[in-house]
Amino acid sequence: MICVGLNYRNHILELDRELPRHPTLFTRYAESLIGATDPIANPAETDELDWEAELAIVIGAAVRRAKGATSKRP
C-alpha cells in the first residue's frame, strides 16, 4: 500500500513540522497490517506500543489519469 503522509495541515502543525512542498509518500506492507478485530501483537522488546489508523481504497482495475465518476458499473 502506498500512503500519503502529512496531508492534514492541522496535524502537521500539531507535530511542529513545516508544511511539505511536495507529497510525502510512505509504504505499508501486508505484514504490518491487521484487521479491525485482529489481536495486536505487543513485542516484548518495547512497552511503548503506538498505533495509527489508515484508510485504504482498493481499485479493481488499472487506473491512469482518472477524471471522476463514470456511469459504467459491473
Protein backbone atom coordinates (compact mmCIF):
# COMPACT_ATOMS: atom_id res chain seq x y z
CA MET A 1 0.00 0.00 0.00
CA ILE A 2 1.40 3.42 -0.94
CA CYS A 3 0.34 6.14 1.50
CA VAL A 4 0.43 9.93 1.51
CA GLY A 5 1.61 11.37 4.80
CA LEU A 6 1.50 14.87 6.21
CA ASN A 7 -1.72 15.58 4.33
CA TYR A 8 -3.66 17.27 7.15
CA ARG A 9 -2.50 20.82 7.83
CA ASN A 10 -3.66 20.91 11.45
CA HIS A 11 -1.94 17.62 12.25
CA ILE A 12 1.31 18.80 10.65
CA LEU A 13 1.22 21.92 12.80
CA GLU A 14 0.44 19.83 15.92
CA LEU A 15 3.62 17.88 15.21
CA ASP A 16 5.51 21.18 15.00
CA ARG A 17 6.65 20.35 11.46
CA GLU A 18 6.91 22.52 8.39
CA LEU A 19 4.23 22.16 5.73
CA PRO A 20 5.65 19.98 2.94
CA ARG A 21 6.16 21.43 -0.53
CA HIS A 22 5.54 18.03 -2.13
CA PRO A 23 3.52 14.94 -1.14
CA THR A 24 5.22 12.74 1.46
CA LEU A 25 4.90 9.10 0.40
CA PHE A 26 5.48 6.00 2.53
CA THR A 27 4.52 2.34 2.36
CA ARG A 28 2.58 -0.11 4.49
CA TYR A 29 3.38 -3.74 3.75
CA ALA A 30 0.84 -6.54 4.20
CA GLU A 31 2.85 -7.99 7.11
CA SER A 32 2.34 -4.76 9.09
CA LEU A 33 -1.45 -4.62 8.72
CA ILE A 34 -4.20 -6.14 10.85
CA GLY A 35 -7.97 -6.09 10.64
CA ALA A 36 -10.44 -4.35 12.95
CA THR A 37 -10.96 -7.42 15.15
CA ASP A 38 -7.44 -8.92 14.94
CA PRO A 39 -5.31 -9.08 18.08
CA ILE A 40 -2.47 -6.56 18.36
CA ALA A 41 0.95 -8.17 18.90
CA ASN A 42 2.86 -6.33 21.61
CA PRO A 43 6.58 -7.11 21.13
CA ALA A 44 8.48 -7.95 24.32
CA GLU A 45 11.23 -5.51 23.27
CA THR A 46 9.08 -2.45 23.98
CA ASP A 47 6.48 -1.17 26.39
CA GLU A 48 5.68 1.83 24.15
CA LEU A 49 3.11 0.49 21.71
CA ASP A 50 1.93 3.01 19.11
CA TRP A 51 -0.91 2.77 16.63
CA GLU A 52 -2.38 4.57 13.66
CA ALA A 53 -5.45 4.11 11.53
CA GLU A 54 -5.15 4.19 7.77
CA LEU A 55 -7.88 4.45 5.15
CA ALA A 56 -7.25 2.31 2.08
CA ILE A 57 -9.02 2.42 -1.25
CA VAL A 58 -8.74 -0.65 -3.45
CA ILE A 59 -9.22 -0.11 -7.16
CA GLY A 60 -10.05 -3.31 -9.01
CA ALA A 61 -8.51 -2.30 -12.33
CA ALA A 62 -5.52 -0.44 -13.70
CA VAL A 63 -6.12 3.32 -13.50
CA ARG A 64 -4.25 6.20 -15.07
CA ARG A 65 -5.32 9.84 -15.05
CA ALA A 66 -8.73 9.17 -13.51
CA LYS A 67 -11.06 12.14 -14.01
CA GLY A 68 -14.10 11.35 -11.90
CA ALA A 69 -17.17 9.17 -11.69
CA THR A 70 -18.26 7.02 -14.56
CA SER A 71 -21.65 5.54 -15.33
CA LYS A 72 -20.14 2.14 -16.20
CA ARG A 73 -20.81 -0.37 -13.41
CA PRO A 74 -20.15 -4.10 -13.34
